[in-house]
Amino acid sequence: MTKLQIIAKLWSAVYDLVFLVKGTPTKTLEQIESDLDVIEYACRKYVDCDDDEIAIGSEGGVAYAGTSTARKAD
């Protein structure tokens, strides 16, 4: 699972939880927990990676992520 797929699945889980809380669930809590377990497992390959893909900076009081200062990992 790519990082983008992980992010998409996390947002899906967030909305599943929102629907559950509002009383209009699309999934049971157990199904959501199972989805989160799958996502957590997919994240494990990124545990020991450095966050050198982006540089976080601030300009005018607003934080932003700039990729122009990113360096290729060896």
N, C-alpha and C. Protein backbone atom coordinates (compact mmCIF):
# COMPACT_ATOMS: atom_id res chain seq x y z
N MET A 1 0.86 -1.17 0.00
CA MET A 1 0.00 0.00 0.00
C MET A 1 0.90 1.23 0.00
N THR A 2 0.62 2.15 -0.90
CA THR A 2 1.41 3.38 -0.98
C THR A 2 0.99 4.35 0.11
N LYS A 3 1.81 5.37 0.28
CA LYS A 3 1.48 6.39 1.29
C LYS A 3 0.16 7.08 0.96
N LEU A 4 -0.06 7.33 -0.32
CA LEU A 4 -1.31 7.98 -0.73
C LEU A 4 -2.51 7.08 -0.45
N GLN A 5 -2.36 5.79 -0.68
CA GLN A 5 -3.44 4.85 -0.37
C GLN A 5 -3.71 4.80 1.13
N ILE A 6 -2.65 4.86 1.93
CA ILE A 6 -2.81 4.87 3.39
C ILE A 6 -3.59 6.10 3.82
N ILE A 7 -3.22 7.25 3.27
CA ILE A 7 -3.92 8.49 3.62
C ILE A 7 -5.39 8.40 3.22
N ALA A 8 -5.67 7.88 2.04
CA ALA A 8 -7.06 7.75 1.58
C ALA A 8 -7.85 6.82 2.50
N LYS A 9 -7.23 5.72 2.92
CA LYS A 9 -7.92 4.78 3.80
C LYS A 9 -8.12 5.37 5.19
N LEU A 10 -7.18 6.18 5.65
CA LEU A 10 -7.35 6.85 6.95
C LEU A 10 -8.54 7.81 6.90
N TRP A 11 -8.65 8.58 5.81
CA TRP A 11 -9.79 9.49 5.68
C TRP A 11 -11.10 8.72 5.60
N SER A 12 -11.07 7.60 4.93
CA SER A 12 -12.27 6.77 4.86
C SER A 12 -12.67 6.30 6.25
N ALA A 13 -11.69 5.89 7.06
CA ALA A 13 -11.97 5.46 8.43
C ALA A 13 -12.49 6.61 9.28
N VAL A 14 -11.95 7.80 9.06
CA VAL A 14 -12.43 8.98 9.80
C VAL A 14 -13.91 9.22 9.50
N TYR A 15 -14.26 9.18 8.22
CA TYR A 15 -15.67 9.40 7.86
C TYR A 15 -16.56 8.26 8.33
N ASP A 16 -16.06 7.04 8.32
CA ASP A 16 -16.84 5.93 8.87
C ASP A 16 -17.13 6.17 10.36
N LEU A 17 -16.13 6.69 11.08
CA LEU A 17 -16.33 7.00 12.50
C LEU A 17 -17.31 8.16 12.69
N VAL A 18 -17.23 9.16 11.82
CA VAL A 18 -18.16 10.30 11.89
C VAL A 18 -19.59 9.81 11.70
N PHE A 19 -19.81 8.97 10.69
CA PHE A 19 -21.14 8.42 10.45
C PHE A 19 -21.62 7.58 11.62
N LEU A 20 -20.71 6.84 12.23
CA LEU A 20 -21.06 6.01 13.38
C LEU A 20 -21.51 6.88 14.56
N VAL A 21 -20.77 7.95 14.81
CA VAL A 21 -21.11 8.85 15.91
C VAL A 21 -22.42 9.57 15.66
N LYS A 22 -22.67 9.95 14.40
CA LYS A 22 -23.92 10.66 14.07
C LYS A 22 -25.13 9.75 14.05
N GLY A 23 -24.90 8.44 14.16
CA GLY A 23 -26.02 7.51 14.19
C GLY A 23 -26.45 7.00 12.84
N THR A 24 -25.64 7.26 11.81
CA THR A 24 -25.94 6.75 10.48
C THR A 24 -24.74 5.94 9.98
N PRO A 25 -24.42 4.87 10.69
CA PRO A 25 -23.19 4.13 10.36
C PRO A 25 -23.27 3.41 9.01
N THR A 26 -22.15 3.40 8.33
CA THR A 26 -22.01 2.62 7.11
C THR A 26 -21.28 1.32 7.40
N LYS A 27 -20.60 1.28 8.55
CA LYS A 27 -19.87 0.09 9.01
C LYS A 27 -20.04 -0.04 10.51
N THR A 28 -19.85 -1.24 11.00
CA THR A 28 -19.88 -1.44 12.45
C THR A 28 -18.53 -1.00 13.03
N LEU A 29 -18.51 -0.80 14.34
CA LEU A 29 -17.26 -0.42 15.00
C LEU A 29 -16.20 -1.50 14.79
N GLU A 30 -16.61 -2.74 14.81
CA GLU A 30 -15.67 -3.84 14.61
C GLU A 30 -15.05 -3.80 13.21
N GLN A 31 -15.86 -3.45 12.21
CA GLN A 31 -15.34 -3.34 10.84
C GLN A 31 -14.35 -2.18 10.72
N ILE A 32 -14.67 -1.08 11.37
CA ILE A 32 -13.78 0.09 11.35
C ILE A 32 -12.47 -0.25 12.04
N GLU A 33 -12.55 -0.93 13.19
CA GLU A 33 -11.33 -1.34 13.89
C GLU A 33 -10.49 -2.28 13.03
N SER A 34 -11.14 -3.16 12.30
CA SER A 34 -10.42 -4.07 11.40
C SER A 34 -9.73 -3.29 10.29
N ASP A 35 -10.42 -2.30 9.72
CA ASP A 35 -9.81 -1.45 8.69
C ASP A 35 -8.58 -0.73 9.25
N LEU A 36 -8.70 -0.21 10.47
CA LEU A 36 -7.59 0.50 11.09
C LEU A 36 -6.41 -0.43 11.36
N ASP A 37 -6.68 -1.69 11.69
CA ASP A 37 -5.61 -2.67 11.88
C ASP A 37 -4.85 -2.89 10.57
N VAL A 38 -5.58 -2.97 9.46
CA VAL A 38 -4.95 -3.15 8.15
C VAL A 38 -4.09 -1.93 7.82
N ILE A 39 -4.61 -0.75 8.09
CA ILE A 39 -3.87 0.48 7.82
C ILE A 39 -2.61 0.55 8.68
N GLU A 40 -2.75 0.19 9.94
CA GLU A 40 -1.60 0.20 10.86
C GLU A 40 -0.52 -0.75 10.36
N TYR A 41 -0.92 -1.91 9.90
CA TYR A 41 0.05 -2.88 9.37
C TYR A 41 0.76 -2.32 8.14
N ALA A 42 0.01 -1.63 7.28
CA ALA A 42 0.60 -1.04 6.08
C ALA A 42 1.59 0.07 6.42
N CYS A 43 1.39 0.74 7.54
CA CYS A 43 2.28 1.82 7.96
C CYS A 43 3.61 1.32 8.51
N ARG A 44 3.67 0.07 8.91
CA ARG A 44 4.88 -0.46 9.56
C ARG A 44 6.12 -0.33 8.70
N LYS A 45 5.99 -0.42 7.39
CA LYS A 45 7.18 -0.33 6.54
C LYS A 45 7.76 1.08 6.53
N TYR A 46 7.02 2.05 7.02
CA TYR A 46 7.50 3.43 7.06
C TYR A 46 7.98 3.85 8.45
N VAL A 47 7.99 2.95 9.39
CA VAL A 47 8.34 3.29 10.78
C VAL A 47 9.75 3.84 10.90
N ASP A 48 10.70 3.20 10.28
CA ASP A 48 12.09 3.61 10.42
C ASP A 48 12.57 4.57 9.35
N CYS A 49 11.65 5.10 8.58
CA CYS A 49 12.01 6.05 7.52
C CYS A 49 12.11 7.45 8.09
N ASP A 50 13.07 8.19 7.57
CA ASP A 50 13.18 9.59 7.94
C ASP A 50 12.15 10.40 7.16
N ASP A 51 11.73 11.48 7.73
CA ASP A 51 10.79 12.37 7.06
C ASP A 51 11.55 13.42 6.25
N ASP A 52 12.41 12.94 5.36
CA ASP A 52 13.21 13.88 4.59
C ASP A 52 12.61 14.15 3.21
N GLU A 53 11.39 13.71 3.00
CA GLU A 53 10.75 13.98 1.71
C GLU A 53 10.31 15.43 1.60
N ILE A 54 9.97 16.03 2.73
CA ILE A 54 9.50 17.41 2.71
C ILE A 54 10.22 18.20 3.79
N ALA A 55 10.30 19.48 3.58
CA ALA A 55 10.85 20.38 4.58
C ALA A 55 9.72 21.26 5.08
N ILE A 56 9.56 21.31 6.37
CA ILE A 56 8.51 22.14 6.96
C ILE A 56 9.10 23.50 7.31
N GLY A 57 8.45 24.53 6.89
CA GLY A 57 8.91 25.88 7.17
C GLY A 57 7.73 26.77 7.49
N SER A 58 8.01 28.00 7.84
CA SER A 58 6.92 28.93 8.10
C SER A 58 7.26 30.27 7.47
N GLU A 59 6.24 30.90 6.96
CA GLU A 59 6.42 32.18 6.32
C GLU A 59 5.17 33.01 6.60
N GLY A 60 5.36 34.12 7.22
CA GLY A 60 4.22 34.97 7.53
C GLY A 60 3.28 34.35 8.55
N GLY A 61 3.82 33.51 9.42
CA GLY A 61 3.00 32.88 10.46
C GLY A 61 2.22 31.67 9.99
N VAL A 62 2.44 31.25 8.75
CA VAL A 62 1.72 30.11 8.21
C VAL A 62 2.73 29.00 7.91
N ALA A 63 2.45 27.81 8.41
CA ALA A 63 3.34 26.68 8.16
C ALA A 63 3.04 26.10 6.79
N TYR A 64 4.06 25.65 6.11
CA TYR A 64 3.87 25.02 4.82
C TYR A 64 4.92 23.94 4.63
N ALA A 65 4.65 23.04 3.72
CA ALA A 65 5.60 21.99 3.38
C ALA A 65 6.11 22.27 1.98
N GLY A 66 7.41 22.43 1.87
CA GLY A 66 8.01 22.69 0.57
C GLY A 66 8.83 21.49 0.13
N THR A 67 8.63 21.06 -1.09
CA THR A 67 9.38 19.91 -1.59
C THR A 67 10.64 20.32 -2.33
N SER A 68 10.87 21.60 -2.51
CA SER A 68 12.04 22.05 -3.27
C SER A 68 13.33 21.76 -2.52
N THR A 69 13.28 21.62 -1.21
CA THR A 69 14.49 21.35 -0.43
C THR A 69 14.63 19.87 -0.11
N ALA A 70 13.76 19.06 -0.65
CA ALA A 70 13.84 17.63 -0.39
C ALA A 70 15.08 17.05 -1.06
N ARG A 71 15.63 16.04 -0.42
CA ARG A 71 16.80 15.39 -0.99
C ARG A 71 16.49 13.91 -1.18
N LYS A 72 17.13 13.32 -2.14
CA LYS A 72 16.89 11.92 -2.44
C LYS A 72 17.55 11.05 -1.37
N ALA A 73 16.78 10.09 -0.86
CA ALA A 73 17.32 9.17 0.16
C ALA A 73 18.19 8.14 -0.51
N ASP A 74 19.27 7.77 0.14
CA ASP A 74 20.17 6.74 -0.40
C ASP A 74 19.63 5.36 -0.18
